[in-house]
Amino acid sequence: MSGLSDVRLALHSQELEAGQERLMSARNTPSGLSRWALFWHRRHTREALLELTPEQLRDIGLSVEQARQEGLKPFWRG
């Protein structure tokens, strides 16, 4: 294969991965929300995440550290 083809394949695989990430984040977001409603949704769900017990976090497959990182993320970040 030529070098140009390798670059195209690498870029295409990166685009596919980025598309998968967008698709996965879109699945976790309630549809039909305005921007502000989405911000409020994120804020409240992240606050709730910080209040879960270690047992509850284990039930949903998160560690305390993972929950803390997600819960402390600003509401404007997806």
N, C-alpha and C. Protein backbone atom coordinates (compact mmCIF):
# COMPACT_ATOMS: atom_id res chain seq x y z
N MET A 1 0.84 -1.19 0.00
CA MET A 1 0.00 0.00 0.00
C MET A 1 0.87 1.24 0.00
N SER A 2 0.39 2.27 -0.65
CA SER A 2 1.14 3.52 -0.66
C SER A 2 0.94 4.24 0.67
N GLY A 3 1.80 5.18 0.95
CA GLY A 3 1.71 5.94 2.19
C GLY A 3 0.42 6.73 2.28
N LEU A 4 -0.05 7.26 1.15
CA LEU A 4 -1.28 8.03 1.15
C LEU A 4 -2.48 7.17 1.55
N SER A 5 -2.52 5.95 1.08
CA SER A 5 -3.61 5.05 1.44
C SER A 5 -3.60 4.75 2.93
N ASP A 6 -2.41 4.58 3.50
CA ASP A 6 -2.31 4.33 4.94
C ASP A 6 -2.86 5.51 5.73
N VAL A 7 -2.53 6.72 5.29
CA VAL A 7 -3.02 7.92 5.98
C VAL A 7 -4.54 7.99 5.87
N ARG A 8 -5.08 7.72 4.70
CA ARG A 8 -6.54 7.74 4.53
C ARG A 8 -7.21 6.72 5.44
N LEU A 9 -6.65 5.53 5.52
CA LEU A 9 -7.23 4.50 6.39
C LEU A 9 -7.19 4.93 7.86
N ALA A 10 -6.07 5.52 8.26
CA ALA A 10 -5.94 5.97 9.65
C ALA A 10 -6.96 7.07 9.94
N LEU A 11 -7.11 8.03 9.03
CA LEU A 11 -8.08 9.11 9.24
C LEU A 11 -9.50 8.57 9.26
N HIS A 12 -9.79 7.64 8.37
CA HIS A 12 -11.13 7.07 8.32
C HIS A 12 -11.45 6.33 9.63
N SER A 13 -10.49 5.59 10.16
CA SER A 13 -10.75 4.88 11.41
C SER A 13 -10.96 5.86 12.56
N GLN A 14 -10.24 6.98 12.55
CA GLN A 14 -10.45 8.00 13.59
C GLN A 14 -11.84 8.61 13.48
N GLU A 15 -12.30 8.85 12.25
CA GLU A 15 -13.63 9.40 12.04
C GLU A 15 -14.69 8.41 12.52
N LEU A 16 -14.49 7.13 12.27
CA LEU A 16 -15.44 6.12 12.73
C LEU A 16 -15.49 6.07 14.24
N GLU A 17 -14.33 6.13 14.89
CA GLU A 17 -14.30 6.12 16.35
C GLU A 17 -15.01 7.34 16.92
N ALA A 18 -14.77 8.51 16.32
CA ALA A 18 -15.42 9.74 16.79
C ALA A 18 -16.93 9.63 16.61
N GLY A 19 -17.36 9.05 15.51
CA GLY A 19 -18.79 8.86 15.28
C GLY A 19 -19.41 7.94 16.31
N GLN A 20 -18.69 6.88 16.68
CA GLN A 20 -19.18 5.96 17.70
C GLN A 20 -19.32 6.67 19.05
N GLU A 21 -18.33 7.51 19.39
CA GLU A 21 -18.39 8.23 20.66
C GLU A 21 -19.59 9.18 20.68
N ARG A 22 -19.84 9.87 19.56
CA ARG A 22 -21.01 10.77 19.50
C ARG A 22 -22.30 9.98 19.61
N LEU A 23 -22.34 8.84 18.97
CA LEU A 23 -23.53 8.00 19.02
C LEU A 23 -23.79 7.51 20.43
N MET A 24 -22.74 7.10 21.13
CA MET A 24 -22.90 6.61 22.50
C MET A 24 -23.35 7.74 23.42
N SER A 25 -22.78 8.94 23.27
CA SER A 25 -23.19 10.04 24.15
C SER A 25 -24.61 10.49 23.82
N ALA A 26 -25.00 10.39 22.55
CA ALA A 26 -26.36 10.76 22.18
C ALA A 26 -27.37 9.78 22.78
N ARG A 27 -27.00 8.53 22.94
CA ARG A 27 -27.90 7.54 23.53
C ARG A 27 -28.15 7.81 25.01
N ASN A 28 -27.19 8.42 25.68
CA ASN A 28 -27.32 8.68 27.10
C ASN A 28 -28.03 10.00 27.39
N THR A 29 -28.30 10.78 26.35
CA THR A 29 -28.91 12.09 26.50
C THR A 29 -30.38 12.02 26.14
N PRO A 30 -31.25 12.52 27.01
CA PRO A 30 -32.67 12.54 26.66
C PRO A 30 -32.90 13.37 25.39
N SER A 31 -33.68 12.84 24.47
CA SER A 31 -33.90 13.55 23.22
C SER A 31 -34.93 14.65 23.42
N GLY A 32 -34.85 15.64 22.56
CA GLY A 32 -35.83 16.71 22.56
C GLY A 32 -35.60 17.78 23.61
N LEU A 33 -34.48 17.77 24.29
CA LEU A 33 -34.22 18.79 25.30
C LEU A 33 -33.57 20.01 24.67
N SER A 34 -33.98 21.17 25.14
CA SER A 34 -33.29 22.39 24.73
C SER A 34 -31.91 22.41 25.37
N ARG A 35 -31.11 23.33 24.96
CA ARG A 35 -29.76 23.42 25.52
C ARG A 35 -29.80 23.61 27.03
N TRP A 36 -30.67 24.52 27.50
CA TRP A 36 -30.75 24.79 28.94
C TRP A 36 -31.32 23.60 29.69
N ALA A 37 -32.29 22.93 29.10
CA ALA A 37 -32.86 21.75 29.76
C ALA A 37 -31.79 20.65 29.87
N LEU A 38 -30.96 20.52 28.84
CA LEU A 38 -29.88 19.55 28.88
C LEU A 38 -28.89 19.90 29.98
N PHE A 39 -28.55 21.19 30.11
CA PHE A 39 -27.64 21.62 31.18
C PHE A 39 -28.22 21.28 32.56
N TRP A 40 -29.52 21.57 32.75
CA TRP A 40 -30.15 21.27 34.04
C TRP A 40 -30.17 19.77 34.29
N HIS A 41 -30.47 19.00 33.26
CA HIS A 41 -30.47 17.55 33.39
C HIS A 41 -29.09 17.04 33.84
N ARG A 42 -28.05 17.52 33.18
CA ARG A 42 -26.69 17.11 33.55
C ARG A 42 -26.37 17.51 34.98
N ARG A 43 -26.74 18.73 35.34
CA ARG A 43 -26.43 19.21 36.70
C ARG A 43 -27.09 18.33 37.76
N HIS A 44 -28.35 18.05 37.57
CA HIS A 44 -29.08 17.26 38.57
C HIS A 44 -28.63 15.80 38.61
N THR A 45 -28.38 15.22 37.46
CA THR A 45 -27.94 13.82 37.47
C THR A 45 -26.54 13.69 38.04
N ARG A 46 -25.69 14.67 37.80
CA ARG A 46 -24.34 14.62 38.36
C ARG A 46 -24.36 14.83 39.87
N GLU A 47 -25.26 15.70 40.34
CA GLU A 47 -25.41 15.87 41.80
C GLU A 47 -25.90 14.57 42.43
N ALA A 48 -26.85 13.92 41.78
CA ALA A 48 -27.39 12.65 42.29
C ALA A 48 -26.30 11.58 42.32
N LEU A 49 -25.45 11.59 41.33
CA LEU A 49 -24.36 10.62 41.27
C LEU A 49 -23.43 10.77 42.47
N LEU A 50 -23.19 12.00 42.89
CA LEU A 50 -22.31 12.24 44.04
C LEU A 50 -22.93 11.77 45.35
N GLU A 51 -24.24 11.60 45.38
CA GLU A 51 -24.92 11.19 46.61
C GLU A 51 -25.10 9.69 46.75
N LEU A 52 -24.74 8.93 45.71
CA LEU A 52 -24.91 7.47 45.77
C LEU A 52 -23.91 6.83 46.72
N THR A 53 -24.32 5.78 47.35
CA THR A 53 -23.44 5.03 48.26
C THR A 53 -22.52 4.14 47.43
N PRO A 54 -21.43 3.68 48.02
CA PRO A 54 -20.53 2.75 47.30
C PRO A 54 -21.26 1.50 46.81
N GLU A 55 -22.23 1.02 47.58
CA GLU A 55 -22.99 -0.16 47.16
C GLU A 55 -23.83 0.15 45.92
N GLN A 56 -24.47 1.31 45.90
CA GLN A 56 -25.27 1.71 44.75
C GLN A 56 -24.38 1.90 43.52
N LEU A 57 -23.22 2.48 43.71
CA LEU A 57 -22.29 2.67 42.60
C LEU A 57 -21.83 1.32 42.04
N ARG A 58 -21.59 0.38 42.92
CA ARG A 58 -21.20 -0.97 42.47
C ARG A 58 -22.30 -1.58 41.62
N ASP A 59 -23.56 -1.34 42.02
CA ASP A 59 -24.70 -1.87 41.27
C ASP A 59 -24.75 -1.34 39.84
N ILE A 60 -24.33 -0.10 39.63
CA ILE A 60 -24.35 0.46 38.28
C ILE A 60 -23.00 0.37 37.59
N GLY A 61 -22.05 -0.28 38.25
CA GLY A 61 -20.77 -0.56 37.60
C GLY A 61 -19.78 0.59 37.61
N LEU A 62 -19.88 1.46 38.61
CA LEU A 62 -18.94 2.58 38.72
C LEU A 62 -18.17 2.50 40.03
N SER A 63 -16.94 2.96 39.97
CA SER A 63 -16.18 3.08 41.21
C SER A 63 -16.49 4.44 41.83
N VAL A 64 -16.11 4.60 43.08
CA VAL A 64 -16.32 5.88 43.76
C VAL A 64 -15.57 6.98 43.02
N GLU A 65 -14.36 6.68 42.58
CA GLU A 65 -13.55 7.67 41.87
C GLU A 65 -14.19 8.06 40.53
N GLN A 66 -14.70 7.09 39.78
CA GLN A 66 -15.36 7.39 38.51
C GLN A 66 -16.59 8.27 38.73
N ALA A 67 -17.35 7.95 39.75
CA ALA A 67 -18.55 8.75 40.07
C ALA A 67 -18.16 10.16 40.48
N ARG A 68 -17.10 10.28 41.25
CA ARG A 68 -16.63 11.60 41.68
C ARG A 68 -16.19 12.43 40.48
N GLN A 69 -15.42 11.82 39.57
CA GLN A 69 -14.96 12.54 38.38
C GLN A 69 -16.13 13.02 37.53
N GLU A 70 -17.11 12.14 37.31
CA GLU A 70 -18.27 12.52 36.50
C GLU A 70 -19.13 13.54 37.24
N GLY A 71 -19.31 13.35 38.52
CA GLY A 71 -20.16 14.25 39.30
C GLY A 71 -19.61 15.64 39.45
N LEU A 72 -18.30 15.78 39.41
CA LEU A 72 -17.68 17.10 39.56
C LEU A 72 -17.45 17.81 38.24
N LYS A 73 -17.78 17.15 37.13
CA LYS A 73 -17.64 17.78 35.82
C LYS A 73 -18.61 18.95 35.71
N PRO A 74 -18.21 20.06 35.11
CA PRO A 74 -19.15 21.17 34.93
C PRO A 74 -20.33 20.74 34.06
N PHE A 75 -21.50 21.31 34.31
CA PHE A 75 -22.72 20.90 33.60
C PHE A 75 -22.66 21.20 32.11
N TRP A 76 -21.82 22.12 31.69
CA TRP A 76 -21.75 22.47 30.27
C TRP A 76 -20.88 21.50 29.47
N ARG A 77 -20.17 20.61 30.16
CA ARG A 77 -19.35 19.63 29.45
C ARG A 77 -20.12 18.33 29.33
N GLY A 78 -20.15 17.78 28.12
CA GLY A 78 -20.89 16.56 27.84
C GLY A 78 -20.28 15.32 28.38
